[in-house]
PDB file of N, CA and C in Angstrom:
ATOM      1  N   UNK A   1       0.819  -1.194   0.000  1.00  0.00           N
ATOM      2  CA  UNK A   1       0.000   0.000   0.000  1.00  0.00           C
ATOM      3  C   UNK A   1       0.861   1.255   0.000  1.00  0.00           C
ATOM      4  N   UNK A   2       2.104   1.165  -0.343  1.00  0.00           N
ATOM      5  CA  UNK A   2       2.989   2.323  -0.310  1.00  0.00           C
ATOM      6  C   UNK A   2       2.683   3.325  -1.410  1.00  0.00           C
ATOM      7  N   UNK A   3       2.006   2.904  -2.478  1.00  0.00           N
ATOM      8  CA  UNK A   3       1.723   3.832  -3.569  1.00  0.00           C
ATOM      9  C   UNK A   3       0.395   4.565  -3.391  1.00  0.00           C
ATOM     10  N   UNK A   4      -0.348   4.293  -2.324  1.00  0.00           N
ATOM     11  CA  UNK A   4      -1.626   4.947  -2.068  1.00  0.00           C
ATOM     12  C   UNK A   4      -1.500   5.932  -0.918  1.00  0.00           C
ATOM     13  N   UNK A   5      -2.199   7.032  -1.041  1.00  0.00           N
ATOM     14  CA  UNK A   5      -2.205   8.035   0.021  1.00  0.00           C
ATOM     15  C   UNK A   5      -3.048   7.552   1.194  1.00  0.00           C
ATOM     16  N   UNK A   6      -2.539   7.723   2.387  1.00  0.00           N
ATOM     17  CA  UNK A   6      -3.262   7.369   3.608  1.00  0.00           C
ATOM     18  C   UNK A   6      -3.803   8.646   4.223  1.00  0.00           C
ATOM     19  N   UNK A   7      -5.110   8.830   4.173  1.00  0.00           N
ATOM     20  CA  UNK A   7      -5.721   9.988   4.800  1.00  0.00           C
ATOM     21  C   UNK A   7      -6.011  11.121   3.842  1.00  0.00           C
ATOM     22  N   UNK A   8      -6.264  12.278   4.437  1.00  0.00           N
ATOM     23  CA  UNK A   8      -6.590  13.493   3.700  1.00  0.00           C
ATOM     24  C   UNK A   8      -5.931  14.678   4.408  1.00  0.00           C
ATOM     25  N   UNK A   9      -5.803  15.782   3.710  1.00  0.00           N
ATOM     26  CA  UNK A   9      -5.169  16.966   4.293  1.00  0.00           C
ATOM     27  C   UNK A   9      -6.173  17.949   4.905  1.00  0.00           C
ATOM     28  N   UNK A  10      -7.474  17.753   4.652  1.00  0.00           N
ATOM     29  CA  UNK A  10      -8.496  18.640   5.216  1.00  0.00           C
ATOM     30  C   UNK A  10      -9.650  17.781   5.721  1.00  0.00           C
ATOM     31  N   UNK A  11     -10.071  18.049   6.961  1.00  0.00           N
ATOM     32  CA  UNK A  11     -11.150  17.303   7.610  1.00  0.00           C
ATOM     33  C   UNK A  11     -12.130  18.268   8.267  1.00  0.00           C
ATOM     34  N   UNK A  12     -13.415  17.836   8.350  1.00  0.00           N
ATOM     35  CA  UNK A  12     -14.451  18.662   8.976  1.00  0.00           C
ATOM     36  C   UNK A  12     -15.221  17.871  10.016  1.00  0.00           C
ATOM     37  N   UNK A  13     -15.519  18.545  11.132  1.00  0.00           N
ATOM     38  CA  UNK A  13     -16.344  17.999  12.209  1.00  0.00           C
ATOM     39  C   UNK A  13     -17.411  19.060  12.479  1.00  0.00           C
ATOM     40  N   UNK A  14     -18.662  18.830  12.069  1.00  0.00           N
ATOM     41  CA  UNK A  14     -19.668  19.880  12.176  1.00  0.00           C
ATOM     42  C   UNK A  14     -20.325  20.030  13.548  1.00  0.00           C
ATOM     43  N   UNK A  15     -20.154  19.058  14.459  1.00  0.00           N
ATOM     44  CA  UNK A  15     -20.871  19.106  15.730  1.00  0.00           C
ATOM     45  C   UNK A  15     -19.922  19.056  16.916  1.00  0.00           C
ATOM     46  N   UNK A  16     -19.746  20.183  17.558  1.00  0.00           N
ATOM     47  CA  UNK A  16     -18.951  20.253  18.777  1.00  0.00           C
ATOM     48  C   UNK A  16     -19.728  20.973  19.862  1.00  0.00           C
ATOM     49  N   UNK A  17     -19.510  20.558  21.124  1.00  0.00           N
ATOM     50  CA  UNK A  17     -20.188  21.194  22.251  1.00  0.00           C
ATOM     51  C   UNK A  17     -19.508  20.741  23.533  1.00  0.00           C
ATOM     52  N   UNK A  18     -19.052  21.661  24.336  1.00  0.00           N
ATOM     53  CA  UNK A  18     -18.422  21.346  25.615  1.00  0.00           C
ATOM     54  C   UNK A  18     -19.433  21.644  26.715  1.00  0.00           C
ATOM     55  N   UNK A  19     -19.924  20.607  27.431  1.00  0.00           N
ATOM     56  CA  UNK A  19     -20.914  20.838  28.486  1.00  0.00           C
ATOM     57  C   UNK A  19     -20.331  21.653  29.642  1.00  0.00           C
ATOM     58  N   UNK A  20     -21.199  22.389  30.348  1.00  0.00           N
ATOM     59  CA  UNK A  20     -20.719  23.231  31.445  1.00  0.00           C
ATOM     60  C   UNK A  20     -20.370  22.449  32.708  1.00  0.00           C
ATOM     61  N   UNK A  21     -21.001  21.293  32.896  1.00  0.00           N
ATOM     62  CA  UNK A  21     -20.821  20.534  34.129  1.00  0.00           C
ATOM     63  C   UNK A  21     -20.504  19.080  33.832  1.00  0.00           C
ATOM     64  N   UNK A  22     -19.890  18.433  34.795  1.00  0.00           N
ATOM     65  CA  UNK A  22     -19.645  16.995  34.750  1.00  0.00           C
ATOM     66  C   UNK A  22     -20.106  16.421  36.077  1.00  0.00           C
ATOM     67  N   UNK A  23     -20.406  15.133  36.087  1.00  0.00           N
ATOM     68  CA  UNK A  23     -20.752  14.484  37.352  1.00  0.00           C
ATOM     69  C   UNK A  23     -19.732  13.393  37.627  1.00  0.00           C
ATOM     70  N   UNK A  24     -19.491  13.120  38.890  1.00  0.00           N
ATOM     71  CA  UNK A  24     -18.528  12.089  39.230  1.00  0.00           C
ATOM     72  C   UNK A  24     -17.103  12.565  39.008  1.00  0.00           C
ATOM     73  N   UNK A  25     -16.201  11.612  38.791  1.00  0.00           N
ATOM     74  CA  UNK A  25     -14.777  11.933  38.675  1.00  0.00           C
ATOM     75  C   UNK A  25     -14.321  12.162  37.238  1.00  0.00           C
ATOM     76  N   UNK A  26     -15.115  11.748  36.264  1.00  0.00           N
ATOM     77  CA  UNK A  26     -14.726  11.947  34.864  1.00  0.00           C
ATOM     78  C   UNK A  26     -15.251  13.274  34.341  1.00  0.00           C
ATOM     79  N   UNK A  27     -14.386  14.025  33.694  1.00  0.00           N
ATOM     80  CA  UNK A  27     -14.765  15.316  33.119  1.00  0.00           C
ATOM     81  C   UNK A  27     -15.305  15.121  31.704  1.00  0.00           C
ATOM     82  N   UNK A  28     -16.440  15.731  31.409  1.00  0.00           N
ATOM     83  CA  UNK A  28     -16.950  15.721  30.041  1.00  0.00           C
ATOM     84  C   UNK A  28     -15.924  16.392  29.141  1.00  0.00           C
ATOM     85  N   UNK A  29     -15.677  15.801  27.985  1.00  0.00           N
ATOM     86  CA  UNK A  29     -14.714  16.408  27.071  1.00  0.00           C
ATOM     87  C   UNK A  29     -14.915  15.888  25.655  1.00  0.00           C
ATOM     88  N   UNK A  30     -14.293  16.584  24.721  1.00  0.00           N
ATOM     89  CA  UNK A  30     -14.276  16.193  23.323  1.00  0.00           C
ATOM     90  C   UNK A  30     -12.836  16.197  22.846  1.00  0.00           C
ATOM     91  N   UNK A  31     -12.522  15.281  21.935  1.00  0.00           N
ATOM     92  CA  UNK A  31     -11.157  15.167  21.419  1.00  0.00           C
ATOM     93  C   UNK A  31     -11.150  14.996  19.914  1.00  0.00           C
ATOM     94  N   UNK A  32     -10.197  15.676  19.291  1.00  0.00           N
ATOM     95  CA  UNK A  32      -9.882  15.441  17.885  1.00  0.00           C
ATOM     96  C   UNK A  32      -8.774  14.388  17.896  1.00  0.00           C
ATOM     97  N   UNK A  33      -9.079  13.203  17.392  1.00  0.00           N
ATOM     98  CA  UNK A  33      -8.124  12.097  17.406  1.00  0.00           C
ATOM     99  C   UNK A  33      -7.447  12.032  16.040  1.00  0.00           C
ATOM    100  N   UNK A  34      -6.129  12.209  16.001  1.00  0.00           N
ATOM    101  CA  UNK A  34      -5.387  12.315  14.746  1.00  0.00           C
ATOM    102  C   UNK A  34      -4.362  11.190  14.641  1.00  0.00           C
ATOM    103  N   UNK A  35      -4.333  10.534  13.493  1.00  0.00           N
ATOM    104  CA  UNK A  35      -3.334   9.520  13.189  1.00  0.00           C
ATOM    105  C   UNK A  35      -2.466  10.025  12.043  1.00  0.00           C
ATOM    106  N   UNK A  36      -1.168  10.085  12.273  1.00  0.00           N
ATOM    107  CA  UNK A  36      -0.196  10.475  11.245  1.00  0.00           C
ATOM    108  C   UNK A  36       0.614   9.222  10.887  1.00  0.00           C
ATOM    109  N   UNK A  37       0.374   8.669   9.711  1.00  0.00           N
ATOM    110  CA  UNK A  37       1.046   7.436   9.264  1.00  0.00           C
ATOM    111  C   UNK A  37       2.384   7.710   8.580  1.00  0.00           C
ATOM    112  N   UNK A  38       2.733   8.968   8.412  1.00  0.00           N
ATOM    113  CA  UNK A  38       3.940   9.323   7.669  1.00  0.00           C
ATOM    114  C   UNK A  38       5.112   9.629   8.594  1.00  0.00           C
ATOM    115  N   UNK A  39       6.307   9.565   8.059  1.00  0.00           N
ATOM    116  CA  UNK A  39       7.527   9.834   8.832  1.00  0.00           C
ATOM    117  C   UNK A  39       7.609  11.283   9.304  1.00  0.00           C
ATOM    118  N   UNK A  40       7.247  12.225   8.430  1.00  0.00           N
ATOM    119  CA  UNK A  40       7.382  13.636   8.773  1.00  0.00           C
ATOM    120  C   UNK A  40       6.242  14.082   9.695  1.00  0.00           C
ATOM    121  N   UNK A  41       6.515  15.088  10.493  1.00  0.00           N
ATOM    122  CA  UNK A  41       5.496  15.666  11.360  1.00  0.00           C
ATOM    123  C   UNK A  41       4.353  16.236  10.531  1.00  0.00           C
ATOM    124  N   UNK A  42       3.157  16.166  11.091  1.00  0.00           N
ATOM    125  CA  UNK A  42       1.986  16.799  10.480  1.00  0.00           C
ATOM    126  C   UNK A  42       1.751  18.121  11.194  1.00  0.00           C
ATOM    127  N   UNK A  43       1.878  19.203  10.470  1.00  0.00           N
ATOM    128  CA  UNK A  43       1.640  20.537  11.027  1.00  0.00           C
ATOM    129  C   UNK A  43       0.189  20.908  10.770  1.00  0.00           C
ATOM    130  N   UNK A  44      -0.607  20.923  11.853  1.00  0.00           N
ATOM    131  CA  UNK A  44      -2.030  21.184  11.738  1.00  0.00           C
ATOM    132  C   UNK A  44      -2.348  22.652  11.942  1.00  0.00           C
ATOM    133  N   UNK A  45      -3.413  23.076  11.308  1.00  0.00           N
ATOM    134  CA  UNK A  45      -4.040  24.374  11.546  1.00  0.00           C
ATOM    135  C   UNK A  45      -5.506  24.063  11.811  1.00  0.00           C
ATOM    136  N   UNK A  46      -5.965  24.313  13.020  1.00  0.00           N
ATOM    137  CA  UNK A  46      -7.321  23.984  13.439  1.00  0.00           C
ATOM    138  C   UNK A  46      -8.125  25.276  13.534  1.00  0.00           C
ATOM    139  N   UNK A  47      -9.272  25.310  12.843  1.00  0.00           N
ATOM    140  CA  UNK A  47     -10.158  26.472  12.887  1.00  0.00           C
ATOM    141  C   UNK A  47     -11.471  26.055  13.539  1.00  0.00           C
ATOM    142  N   UNK A  48     -11.928  26.873  14.485  1.00  0.00           N
ATOM    143  CA  UNK A  48     -13.172  26.634  15.204  1.00  0.00           C
ATOM    144  C   UNK A  48     -14.203  27.648  14.714  1.00  0.00           C
ATOM    145  N   UNK A  49     -15.345  27.146  14.226  1.00  0.00           N
ATOM    146  CA  UNK A  49     -16.434  27.990  13.724  1.00  0.00           C
ATOM    147  C   UNK A  49     -17.584  28.008  14.734  1.00  0.00           C
ATOM    148  N   UNK A  50     -18.251  29.163  14.850  1.00  0.00           N
ATOM    149  CA  UNK A  50     -19.369  29.339  15.772  1.00  0.00           C
ATOM    150  C   UNK A  50     -20.598  29.819  15.026  1.00  0.00           C
ATOM    151  N   UNK A  51     -21.749  29.743  15.678  1.00  0.00           N
ATOM    152  CA  UNK A  51     -22.996  30.226  15.092  1.00  0.00           C
ATOM    153  C   UNK A  51     -23.103  31.748  15.116  1.00  0.00           C
ATOM    154  N   UNK A  52     -22.545  32.371  16.168  1.00  0.00           N
ATOM    155  CA  UNK A  52     -22.841  33.780  16.415  1.00  0.00           C
ATOM    156  C   UNK A  52     -21.619  34.661  16.642  1.00  0.00           C
ATOM    157  N   UNK A  53     -20.441  34.179  16.262  1.00  0.00           N
ATOM    158  CA  UNK A  53     -19.220  34.969  16.471  1.00  0.00           C
ATOM    159  C   UNK A  53     -18.168  34.568  15.449  1.00  0.00           C
ATOM    160  N   UNK A  54     -17.144  35.378  15.340  1.00  0.00           N
ATOM    161  CA  UNK A  54     -16.060  35.074  14.414  1.00  0.00           C
ATOM    162  C   UNK A  54     -15.322  33.805  14.837  1.00  0.00           C
ATOM    163  N   UNK A  55     -14.758  33.098  13.872  1.00  0.00           N
ATOM    164  CA  UNK A  55     -14.028  31.873  14.205  1.00  0.00           C
ATOM    165  C   UNK A  55     -12.701  32.147  14.911  1.00  0.00           C
ATOM    166  N   UNK A  56     -12.210  31.128  15.593  1.00  0.00           N
ATOM    167  CA  UNK A  56     -10.832  31.124  16.090  1.00  0.00           C
ATOM    168  C   UNK A  56     -10.052  30.392  14.994  1.00  0.00           C
ATOM    169  N   UNK A  57      -9.212  31.116  14.288  1.00  0.00           N
ATOM    170  CA  UNK A  57      -8.625  30.561  13.068  1.00  0.00           C
ATOM    171  C   UNK A  57      -7.191  30.078  13.238  1.00  0.00           C
ATOM    172  N   UNK A  58      -6.916  28.971  12.591  1.00  0.00           N
ATOM    173  CA  UNK A  58      -5.577  28.401  12.409  1.00  0.00           C
ATOM    174  C   UNK A  58      -4.797  28.253  13.714  1.00  0.00           C
ATOM    175  N   UNK A  59      -5.397  27.546  14.652  1.00  0.00           N
ATOM    176  CA  UNK A  59      -4.700  27.195  15.891  1.00  0.00           C
ATOM    177  C   UNK A  59      -3.655  26.143  15.534  1.00  0.00           C
ATOM    178  N   UNK A  60      -2.386  26.388  15.796  1.00  0.00           N
ATOM    179  CA  UNK A  60      -1.347  25.429  15.389  1.00  0.00           C
ATOM    180  C   UNK A  60      -1.268  24.233  16.341  1.00  0.00           C
ATOM    181  N   UNK A  61      -0.972  23.074  15.768  1.00  0.00           N
ATOM    182  CA  UNK A  61      -0.747  21.864  16.555  1.00  0.00           C
ATOM    183  C   UNK A  61       0.104  20.917  15.718  1.00  0.00           C
ATOM    184  N   UNK A  62       1.049  20.226  16.334  1.00  0.00           N
ATOM    185  CA  UNK A  62       1.930  19.295  15.617  1.00  0.00           C
ATOM    186  C   UNK A  62       1.668  17.872  16.093  1.00  0.00           C
ATOM    187  N   UNK A  63       1.477  16.973  15.123  1.00  0.00           N
ATOM    188  CA  UNK A  63       1.399  15.541  15.421  1.00  0.00           C
ATOM    189  C   UNK A  63       2.661  14.926  14.830  1.00  0.00           C
ATOM    190  N   UNK A  64       3.487  14.360  15.673  1.00  0.00           N
ATOM    191  CA  UNK A  64       4.765  13.810  15.231  1.00  0.00           C
ATOM    192  C   UNK A  64       4.556  12.673  14.231  1.00  0.00           C
ATOM    193  N   UNK A  65       5.587  12.440  13.422  1.00  0.00           N
ATOM    194  CA  UNK A  65       5.549  11.385  12.424  1.00  0.00           C
ATOM    195  C   UNK A  65       5.338  10.019  13.045  1.00  0.00           C
ATOM    196  N   UNK A  66       4.523   9.194  12.378  1.00  0.00           N
ATOM    197  CA  UNK A  66       4.229   7.823  12.823  1.00  0.00           C
ATOM    198  C   UNK A  66       3.665   7.796  14.243  1.00  0.00           C
ATOM    199  N   UNK A  67       2.836   8.800  14.574  1.00  0.00           N
ATOM    200  CA  UNK A  67       2.259   8.896  15.914  1.00  0.00           C
ATOM    201  C   UNK A  67       0.769   9.236  15.827  1.00  0.00           C
ATOM    202  N   UNK A  68       0.133   9.141  16.976  1.00  0.00           N
ATOM    203  CA  UNK A  68      -1.260   9.557  17.134  1.00  0.00           C
ATOM    204  C   UNK A  68      -1.324  10.618  18.222  1.00  0.00           C
ATOM    205  N   UNK A  69      -2.354  11.443  18.162  1.00  0.00           N
ATOM    206  CA  UNK A  69      -2.537  12.471  19.181  1.00  0.00           C
ATOM    207  C   UNK A  69      -4.027  12.663  19.424  1.00  0.00           C
ATOM    208  N   UNK A  70      -4.397  12.800  20.684  1.00  0.00           N
ATOM    209  CA  UNK A  70      -5.773  13.078  21.066  1.00  0.00           C
ATOM    210  C   UNK A  70      -5.810  14.498  21.615  1.00  0.00           C
ATOM    211  N   UNK A  71      -6.369  15.395  20.828  1.00  0.00           N
ATOM    212  CA  UNK A  71      -6.336  16.824  21.116  1.00  0.00           C
ATOM    213  C   UNK A  71      -7.644  17.221  21.799  1.00  0.00           C
ATOM    214  N   UNK A  72      -7.579  17.553  23.069  1.00  0.00           N
ATOM    215  CA  UNK A  72      -8.773  17.992  23.793  1.00  0.00           C
ATOM    216  C   UNK A  72      -9.182  19.377  23.277  1.00  0.00           C
ATOM    217  N   UNK A  73     -10.413  19.496  22.826  1.00  0.00           N
ATOM    218  CA  UNK A  73     -10.856  20.780  22.280  1.00  0.00           C
ATOM    219  C   UNK A  73     -10.890  21.872  23.350  1.00  0.00           C
ATOM    220  N   UNK A  74     -11.119  21.500  24.584  1.00  0.00           N
ATOM    221  CA  UNK A  74     -11.152  22.497  25.661  1.00  0.00           C
ATOM    222  C   UNK A  74      -9.777  23.089  25.948  1.00  0.00           C
ATOM    223  N   UNK A  75      -8.733  22.465  25.450  1.00  0.00           N
ATOM    224  CA  UNK A  75      -7.368  22.946  25.674  1.00  0.00           C
ATOM    225  C   UNK A  75      -6.834  23.774  24.495  1.00  0.00           C
ATOM    226  N   UNK A  76      -7.564  23.790  23.385  1.00  0.00           N
ATOM    227  CA  UNK A  76      -7.120  24.572  22.228  1.00  0.00           C
ATOM    228  C   UNK A  76      -7.180  26.063  22.562  1.00  0.00           C
ATOM    229  N   UNK A  77      -6.132  26.774  22.162  1.00  0.00           N
ATOM    230  CA  UNK A  77      -6.067  28.201  22.464  1.00  0.00           C
ATOM    231  C   UNK A  77      -5.208  28.912  21.432  1.00  0.00           C
ATOM    232  N   UNK A  78      -5.634  30.124  21.097  1.00  0.00           N
ATOM    233  CA  UNK A  78      -4.827  30.984  20.237  1.00  0.00           C
ATOM    234  C   UNK A  78      -5.028  32.428  20.692  1.00  0.00           C
ATOM    235  N   UNK A  79      -3.932  33.055  21.062  1.00  0.00           N
ATOM    236  CA  UNK A  79      -3.938  34.454  21.492  1.00  0.00           C
ATOM    237  C   UNK A  79      -4.984  34.710  22.574  1.00  0.00           C
ATOM    238  N   UNK A  80      -5.074  33.790  23.531  1.00  0.00           N
ATOM    239  CA  UNK A  80      -5.999  33.934  24.644  1.00  0.00           C
ATOM    240  C   UNK A  80      -7.427  33.509  24.346  1.00  0.00           C
ATOM    241  N   UNK A  81      -7.720  33.169  23.103  1.00  0.00           N
ATOM    242  CA  UNK A  81      -9.067  32.729  22.736  1.00  0.00           C
ATOM    243  C   UNK A  81      -9.190  31.222  22.913  1.00  0.00           C
ATOM    244  N   UNK A  82     -10.278  30.798  23.551  1.00  0.00           N
ATOM    245  CA  UNK A  82     -10.577  29.376  23.755  1.00  0.00           C
ATOM    246  C   UNK A  82     -12.023  29.119  23.376  1.00  0.00           C
ATOM    247  N   UNK A  83     -12.353  27.861  23.197  1.00  0.00           N
ATOM    248  CA  UNK A  83     -13.736  27.483  22.927  1.00  0.00           C
ATOM    249  C   UNK A  83     -14.511  27.589  24.240  1.00  0.00           C
ATOM    250  N   UNK A  84     -15.569  28.396  24.266  1.00  0.00           N
ATOM    251  CA  UNK A  84     -16.345  28.502  25.503  1.00  0.00           C
ATOM    252  C   UNK A  84     -17.230  27.273  25.721  1.00  0.00           C
ATOM    253  N   UNK A  85     -17.518  26.980  26.984  1.00  0.00           N
ATOM    254  CA  UNK A  85     -18.462  25.912  27.305  1.00  0.00           C
ATOM    255  C   UNK A  85     -19.865  26.354  26.931  1.00  0.00           C
ATOM    256  N   UNK A  86     -20.730  25.388  26.667  1.00  0.00           N
ATOM    257  CA  UNK A  86     -22.153  25.609  26.359  1.00  0.00           C
ATOM    258  C   UNK A  86     -22.381  26.346  25.053  1.00  0.00           C
ATOM    259  N   UNK A  87     -21.442  26.301  24.130  1.00  0.00           N
ATOM    260  CA  UNK A  87     -21.588  26.984  22.847  1.00  0.00           C
ATOM    261  C   UNK A  87     -21.342  25.976  21.717  1.00  0.00           C
ATOM    262  N   UNK A  88     -22.308  25.768  20.823  1.00  0.00           N
ATOM    263  CA  UNK A  88     -22.082  24.862  19.700  1.00  0.00           C
ATOM    264  C   UNK A  88     -20.969  25.403  18.788  1.00  0.00           C
ATOM    265  N   UNK A  89     -20.187  24.488  18.237  1.00  0.00           N
ATOM    266  CA  UNK A  89     -19.114  24.880  17.339  1.00  0.00           C
ATOM    267  C   UNK A  89     -18.845  23.775  16.322  1.00  0.00           C
ATOM    268  N   UNK A  90     -18.078  24.095  15.309  1.00  0.00           N
ATOM    269  CA  UNK A  90     -17.644  23.134  14.295  1.00  0.00           C
ATOM    270  C   UNK A  90     -16.139  23.298  14.113  1.00  0.00           C
ATOM    271  N   UNK A  91     -15.518  22.273  13.516  1.00  0.00           N
ATOM    272  CA  UNK A  91     -14.050  22.247  13.427  1.00  0.00           C
ATOM    273  C   UNK A  91     -13.600  21.954  12.002  1.00  0.00           C
ATOM    274  N   UNK A  92     -12.581  22.679  11.584  1.00  0.00           N
ATOM    275  CA  UNK A  92     -11.857  22.377  10.345  1.00  0.00           C
ATOM    276  C   UNK A  92     -10.419  22.053  10.746  1.00  0.00           C
ATOM    277  N   UNK A  93      -9.912  20.916  10.273  1.00  0.00           N
ATOM    278  CA  UNK A  93      -8.535  20.511  10.553  1.00  0.00           C
ATOM    279  C   UNK A  93      -7.795  20.449   9.225  1.00  0.00           C
ATOM    280  N   UNK A  94      -6.775  21.279   9.074  1.00  0.00           N
ATOM    281  CA  UNK A  94      -5.932  21.278   7.878  1.00  0.00           C
ATOM    282  C   UNK A  94      -4.544  20.785   8.265  1.00  0.00           C
ATOM    283  N   UNK A  95      -3.928  20.002   7.368  1.00  0.00           N
ATOM    284  CA  UNK A  95      -2.600  19.454   7.638  1.00  0.00           C
ATOM    285  C   UNK A  95      -1.743  19.556   6.381  1.00  0.00           C
ATOM    286  N   UNK A  96      -0.428  19.664   6.585  1.00  0.00           N
ATOM    287  CA  UNK A  96       0.469  19.718   5.433  1.00  0.00           C
ATOM    288  C   UNK A  96       0.855  18.324   4.925  1.00  0.00           C
ATOM    289  N   UNK A  97       0.467  17.272   5.638  1.00  0.00           N
ATOM    290  CA  UNK A  97       0.598  15.886   5.158  1.00  0.00           C
ATOM    291  C   UNK A  97      -0.745  15.199   5.403  1.00  0.00           C
ATOM    292  N   UNK A  98      -1.075  14.172   4.631  1.00  0.00           N
ATOM    293  CA  UNK A  98      -2.349  13.485   4.861  1.00  0.00           C
ATOM    294  C   UNK A  98      -2.396  12.847   6.253  1.00  0.00           C
ATOM    295  N   UNK A  99      -3.551  12.965   6.896  1.00  0.00           N
ATOM    296  CA  UNK A  99      -3.786  12.401   8.227  1.00  0.00           C
ATOM    297  C   UNK A  99      -5.161  11.738   8.232  1.00  0.00           C
ATOM    298  N   UNK A 100      -5.453  11.000   9.290  1.00  0.00           N
ATOM    299  CA  UNK A 100      -6.781  10.427   9.511  1.00  0.00           C
ATOM    300  C   UNK A 100      -7.317  11.069  10.784  1.00  0.00           C
ATOM    301  N   UNK A 101      -8.593  11.509  10.759  1.00  0.00           N
ATOM    302  CA  UNK A 101      -9.184  12.224  11.892  1.00  0.00           C
ATOM    303  C   UNK A 101     -10.479  11.551  12.340  1.00  0.00           C
ATOM    304  N   UNK A 102     -10.570  11.347  13.630  1.00  0.00           N
ATOM    305  CA  UNK A 102     -11.765  10.819  14.287  1.00  0.00           C
ATOM    306  C   UNK A 102     -12.129  11.808  15.388  1.00  0.00           C
ATOM    307  N   UNK A 103     -13.400  11.830  15.775  1.00  0.00           N
ATOM    308  CA  UNK A 103     -13.850  12.748  16.808  1.00  0.00           C
ATOM    309  C   UNK A 103     -14.535  11.967  17.912  1.00  0.00           C
ATOM    310  N   UNK A 104     -14.195  12.259  19.154  1.00  0.00           N
ATOM    311  CA  UNK A 104     -14.773  11.546  20.288  1.00  0.00           C
ATOM    312  C   UNK A 104     -15.337  12.520  21.311  1.00  0.00           C
ATOM    313  N   UNK A 105     -16.442  12.110  21.939  1.00  0.00           N
ATOM    314  CA  UNK A 105     -17.079  12.923  22.978  1.00  0.00           C
ATOM    315  C   UNK A 105     -17.413  12.030  24.173  1.00  0.00           C
ATOM    316  N   UNK A 106     -16.993  12.451  25.346  1.00  0.00           N
ATOM    317  CA  UNK A 106     -17.391  11.799  26.592  1.00  0.00           C
ATOM    318  C   UNK A 106     -18.323  12.758  27.316  1.00  0.00           C
ATOM    319  N   UNK A 107     -19.568  12.341  27.480  1.00  0.00           N
ATOM    320  CA  UNK A 107     -20.560  13.158  28.174  1.00  0.00           C
ATOM    321  C   UNK A 107     -20.785  12.555  29.550  1.00  0.00           C
ATOM    322  N   UNK A 108     -20.306  13.236  30.562  1.00  0.00           N
ATOM    323  CA  UNK A 108     -20.480  12.777  31.933  1.00  0.00           C
ATOM    324  C   UNK A 108     -21.367  13.743  32.720  1.00  0.00           C
ATOM    325  N   UNK A 109     -22.287  14.407  32.014  1.00  0.00           N
ATOM    326  CA  UNK A 109     -23.186  15.333  32.703  1.00  0.00           C
ATOM    327  C   UNK A 109     -24.185  14.586  33.581  1.00  0.00           C
ATOM    328  N   UNK A 110     -24.404  13.303  33.278  1.00  0.00           N
ATOM    329  CA  UNK A 110     -25.262  12.456  34.100  1.00  0.00           C
ATOM    330  C   UNK A 110     -24.436  11.283  34.614  1.00  0.00           C
ATOM    331  N   UNK A 111     -24.937  10.632  35.627  1.00  0.00           N
ATOM    332  CA  UNK A 111     -24.209   9.504  36.197  1.00  0.00           C
ATOM    333  C   UNK A 111     -24.034   8.383  35.172  1.00  0.00           C
ATOM    334  N   UNK A 112     -25.013   8.219  34.273  1.00  0.00           N
ATOM    335  CA  UNK A 112     -24.909   7.245  33.193  1.00  0.00           C
ATOM    336  C   UNK A 112     -24.113   7.895  32.065  1.00  0.00           C
ATOM    337  N   UNK A 113     -22.859   7.552  31.926  1.00  0.00           N
ATOM    338  CA  UNK A 113     -21.960   8.182  30.962  1.00  0.00           C
ATOM    339  C   UNK A 113     -22.368   7.842  29.537  1.00  0.00           C
ATOM    340  N   UNK A 114     -22.030   8.713  28.615  1.00  0.00           N
ATOM    341  CA  UNK A 114     -22.229   8.454  27.190  1.00  0.00           C
ATOM    342  C   UNK A 114     -20.913   8.730  26.477  1.00  0.00           C
ATOM    343  N   UNK A 115     -20.491   7.794  25.642  1.00  0.00           N
ATOM    344  CA  UNK A 115     -19.282   7.959  24.838  1.00  0.00           C
ATOM    345  C   UNK A 115     -19.668   7.829  23.377  1.00  0.00           C
ATOM    346  N   UNK A 116     -19.267   8.803  22.575  1.00  0.00           N
ATOM    347  CA  UNK A 116     -19.563   8.820  21.156  1.00  0.00           C
ATOM    348  C   UNK A 116     -18.265   9.034  20.405  1.00  0.00           C
ATOM    349  N   UNK A 117     -18.113   8.316  19.323  1.00  0.00           N
ATOM    350  CA  UNK A 117     -16.938   8.511  18.475  1.00  0.00           C
ATOM    351  C   UNK A 117     -17.356   8.338  17.026  1.00  0.00           C
ATOM    352  N   UNK A 118     -16.845   9.203  16.161  1.00  0.00           N
ATOM    353  CA  UNK A 118     -17.210   9.141  14.750  1.00  0.00           C
ATOM    354  C   UNK A 118     -16.049   9.640  13.900  1.00  0.00           C
ATOM    355  N   UNK A 119     -15.977   9.162  12.686  1.00  0.00           N
ATOM    356  CA  UNK A 119     -14.963   9.661  11.761  1.00  0.00           C
ATOM    357  C   UNK A 119     -15.343  11.069  11.323  1.00  0.00           C
ATOM    358  N   UNK A 120     -14.346  11.914  11.190  1.00  0.00           N
ATOM    359  CA  UNK A 120     -14.562  13.248  10.637  1.00  0.00           C
ATOM    360  C   UNK A 120     -14.811  13.101   9.142  1.00  0.00           C
ATOM    361  N   UNK A 121     -15.260  14.162   8.511  1.00  0.00           N
ATOM    362  CA  UNK A 121     -15.522  14.140   7.076  1.00  0.00           C
ATOM    363  C   UNK A 121     -14.292  14.683   6.328  1.00  0.00           C
ATOM    364  N   UNK A 122     -13.665  13.846   5.469  1.00  0.00           N
ATOM    365  CA  UNK A 122     -12.488  14.324   4.730  1.00  0.00           C
ATOM    366  C   UNK A 122     -12.899  15.111   3.477  1.00  0.00           C
ATOM    367  N   UNK A 123     -12.099  16.085   3.126  1.00  0.00           N
ATOM    368  CA  UNK A 123     -12.284  16.788   1.864  1.00  0.00           C
ATOM    369  C   UNK A 123     -11.612  15.935   0.789  1.00  0.00           C
ATOM    370  N   UNK A 124     -12.375  15.524  -0.181  1.00  0.00           N
ATOM    371  CA  UNK A 124     -11.843  14.617  -1.216  1.00  0.00           C
ATOM    372  C   UNK A 124     -10.914  15.338  -2.166  1.00  0.00           C
TER     373      UNK A 124
END
């Protein structure tokens, strides 16, 4: 499979939301899960889109070559701007090498936890 490209350079996640509260010891969170199958580092630019405000554009993040990274959306920051809790958002992930992107959400707002994971949408 060396002659085929693994992944895509642009990915979209249209549904993001960080709950205001968690119950128990686990914190509700969302993660952009990135797999870099190539030797060189993947230099990401992550843009967060909102319904009612300007986006937080091109937040830099590096995923080392032949590695995976789980990027907590609540930890993303650029020039003091962060994703606020209780606000719907969407994500664009751009990379200078092809990557694979999955999105995961742990909702611990109730004692009965919910875990959701889905593949992001690649730009063909």
